[in-house]
Amino acid sequence: MAQLHPGYVKTRMVNFGGMITPEEAAAGIAERVEALSLETTGGFWHSNGEVLSW
């Protein structure tokens, strides 16, 4: 199990003031999901690949 953060996404919730598009966020999350393994279990990942601290 891993936690994934989509990033600051341009959505109505933030008055479209985000830094990345929903498409970019989804692509980044898909990449992170593909890279998951037993070694990365328990991590907290940003959609850009950065490992975040708890």
N, C-alpha and C. Protein backbone atom coordinates (compact mmCIF):
# COMPACT_ATOMS: atom_id res chain seq x y z
N MET A 1 0.84 -1.17 0.00
CA MET A 1 0.00 0.00 0.00
C MET A 1 0.89 1.24 0.00
N ALA A 2 0.54 2.20 -0.79
CA ALA A 2 1.27 3.47 -0.85
C ALA A 2 0.25 4.60 -0.93
N GLN A 3 0.64 5.75 -0.46
CA GLN A 3 -0.18 6.95 -0.57
C GLN A 3 0.32 7.77 -1.74
N LEU A 4 -0.60 8.31 -2.54
CA LEU A 4 -0.23 9.10 -3.70
C LEU A 4 -0.84 10.49 -3.61
N HIS A 5 -0.03 11.50 -3.83
CA HIS A 5 -0.47 12.89 -3.82
C HIS A 5 -0.50 13.37 -5.26
N PRO A 6 -1.63 13.87 -5.75
CA PRO A 6 -1.71 14.27 -7.15
C PRO A 6 -0.96 15.56 -7.49
N GLY A 7 -0.64 16.35 -6.48
CA GLY A 7 -0.03 17.66 -6.74
C GLY A 7 -1.08 18.75 -6.67
N TYR A 8 -0.68 19.98 -6.94
CA TYR A 8 -1.58 21.13 -6.91
C TYR A 8 -2.22 21.24 -8.29
N VAL A 9 -3.39 20.67 -8.42
CA VAL A 9 -4.04 20.48 -9.71
C VAL A 9 -5.00 21.64 -10.01
N LYS A 10 -5.01 22.08 -11.25
CA LYS A 10 -5.90 23.14 -11.71
C LYS A 10 -7.33 22.61 -11.76
N THR A 11 -8.06 22.83 -10.68
CA THR A 11 -9.45 22.40 -10.60
C THR A 11 -10.31 23.55 -10.08
N ARG A 12 -11.61 23.37 -10.18
CA ARG A 12 -12.54 24.37 -9.69
C ARG A 12 -12.34 24.59 -8.18
N MET A 13 -11.97 23.51 -7.46
CA MET A 13 -11.81 23.60 -6.01
C MET A 13 -10.78 24.66 -5.61
N VAL A 14 -9.76 24.89 -6.45
CA VAL A 14 -8.74 25.90 -6.17
C VAL A 14 -8.84 27.05 -7.17
N ASN A 15 -10.05 27.25 -7.70
CA ASN A 15 -10.31 28.33 -8.66
C ASN A 15 -9.34 28.27 -9.85
N PHE A 16 -9.00 27.05 -10.25
CA PHE A 16 -8.11 26.77 -11.38
C PHE A 16 -6.74 27.42 -11.23
N GLY A 17 -6.31 27.61 -9.97
CA GLY A 17 -5.02 28.22 -9.69
C GLY A 17 -3.90 27.22 -9.50
N GLY A 18 -4.12 25.95 -9.78
CA GLY A 18 -3.10 24.94 -9.58
C GLY A 18 -1.92 25.07 -10.52
N MET A 19 -0.98 24.17 -10.33
CA MET A 19 0.26 24.22 -11.13
C MET A 19 0.27 23.22 -12.29
N ILE A 20 -0.56 22.16 -12.21
CA ILE A 20 -0.58 21.16 -13.27
C ILE A 20 -2.04 20.86 -13.65
N THR A 21 -2.21 20.36 -14.85
CA THR A 21 -3.55 20.01 -15.33
C THR A 21 -3.98 18.66 -14.74
N PRO A 22 -5.27 18.42 -14.74
CA PRO A 22 -5.74 17.10 -14.29
C PRO A 22 -5.12 15.96 -15.09
N GLU A 23 -4.91 16.17 -16.37
CA GLU A 23 -4.30 15.15 -17.22
C GLU A 23 -2.87 14.85 -16.79
N GLU A 24 -2.11 15.91 -16.47
CA GLU A 24 -0.73 15.72 -16.00
C GLU A 24 -0.71 14.99 -14.66
N ALA A 25 -1.63 15.34 -13.76
CA ALA A 25 -1.70 14.68 -12.46
C ALA A 25 -2.04 13.19 -12.64
N ALA A 26 -3.00 12.90 -13.50
CA ALA A 26 -3.40 11.51 -13.72
C ALA A 26 -2.26 10.70 -14.33
N ALA A 27 -1.54 11.30 -15.27
CA ALA A 27 -0.41 10.60 -15.89
C ALA A 27 0.68 10.32 -14.86
N GLY A 28 0.95 11.28 -13.99
CA GLY A 28 1.96 11.08 -12.95
C GLY A 28 1.56 10.00 -11.97
N ILE A 29 0.29 9.99 -11.58
CA ILE A 29 -0.18 8.95 -10.66
C ILE A 29 -0.10 7.58 -11.33
N ALA A 30 -0.48 7.50 -12.60
CA ALA A 30 -0.40 6.23 -13.31
C ALA A 30 1.05 5.72 -13.35
N GLU A 31 2.00 6.62 -13.57
CA GLU A 31 3.42 6.23 -13.56
C GLU A 31 3.84 5.70 -12.20
N ARG A 32 3.41 6.39 -11.13
CA ARG A 32 3.75 5.94 -9.78
C ARG A 32 3.14 4.57 -9.49
N VAL A 33 1.91 4.34 -9.91
CA VAL A 33 1.26 3.05 -9.68
C VAL A 33 2.03 1.94 -10.40
N GLU A 34 2.44 2.20 -11.62
CA GLU A 34 3.21 1.22 -12.39
C GLU A 34 4.54 0.89 -11.72
N ALA A 35 5.11 1.85 -11.01
CA ALA A 35 6.42 1.65 -10.39
C ALA A 35 6.34 1.03 -9.00
N LEU A 36 5.14 0.84 -8.46
CA LEU A 36 5.02 0.28 -7.11
C LEU A 36 5.51 -1.16 -7.05
N SER A 37 6.11 -1.48 -5.92
CA SER A 37 6.61 -2.84 -5.69
C SER A 37 6.60 -3.09 -4.18
N LEU A 38 7.01 -4.26 -3.78
CA LEU A 38 7.10 -4.55 -2.36
C LEU A 38 8.10 -3.62 -1.67
N GLU A 39 9.13 -3.19 -2.39
CA GLU A 39 10.13 -2.31 -1.81
C GLU A 39 9.59 -0.91 -1.54
N THR A 40 8.57 -0.50 -2.27
CA THR A 40 8.02 0.86 -2.10
C THR A 40 6.75 0.86 -1.26
N THR A 41 6.39 -0.26 -0.71
CA THR A 41 5.20 -0.33 0.13
C THR A 41 5.34 0.61 1.32
N GLY A 42 4.28 1.32 1.62
CA GLY A 42 4.27 2.21 2.77
C GLY A 42 4.80 3.60 2.48
N GLY A 43 5.15 3.88 1.24
CA GLY A 43 5.67 5.20 0.89
C GLY A 43 4.57 6.21 0.64
N PHE A 44 4.94 7.48 0.63
CA PHE A 44 4.04 8.58 0.31
C PHE A 44 4.66 9.30 -0.87
N TRP A 45 4.03 9.19 -2.02
CA TRP A 45 4.61 9.66 -3.27
C TRP A 45 3.82 10.83 -3.86
N HIS A 46 4.54 11.81 -4.38
CA HIS A 46 3.94 12.89 -5.17
C HIS A 46 3.83 12.36 -6.59
N SER A 47 2.89 12.88 -7.36
CA SER A 47 2.72 12.40 -8.74
C SER A 47 3.95 12.66 -9.60
N ASN A 48 4.83 13.59 -9.20
CA ASN A 48 6.03 13.84 -9.98
C ASN A 48 7.18 12.90 -9.64
N GLY A 49 6.93 11.95 -8.72
CA GLY A 49 7.94 10.96 -8.37
C GLY A 49 8.67 11.25 -7.07
N GLU A 50 8.50 12.45 -6.54
CA GLU A 50 9.16 12.82 -5.29
C GLU A 50 8.58 12.00 -4.14
N VAL A 51 9.46 11.52 -3.25
CA VAL A 51 9.02 10.82 -2.05
C VAL A 51 8.78 11.86 -0.97
N LEU A 52 7.57 11.87 -0.43
CA LEU A 52 7.21 12.83 0.59
C LEU A 52 7.34 12.21 1.96
N SER A 53 7.57 13.04 2.96
CA SER A 53 7.68 12.52 4.33
C SER A 53 6.31 12.54 4.98
N TRP A 54 6.14 11.66 5.93
CA TRP A 54 4.88 11.59 6.66
C TRP A 54 4.92 12.70 7.64
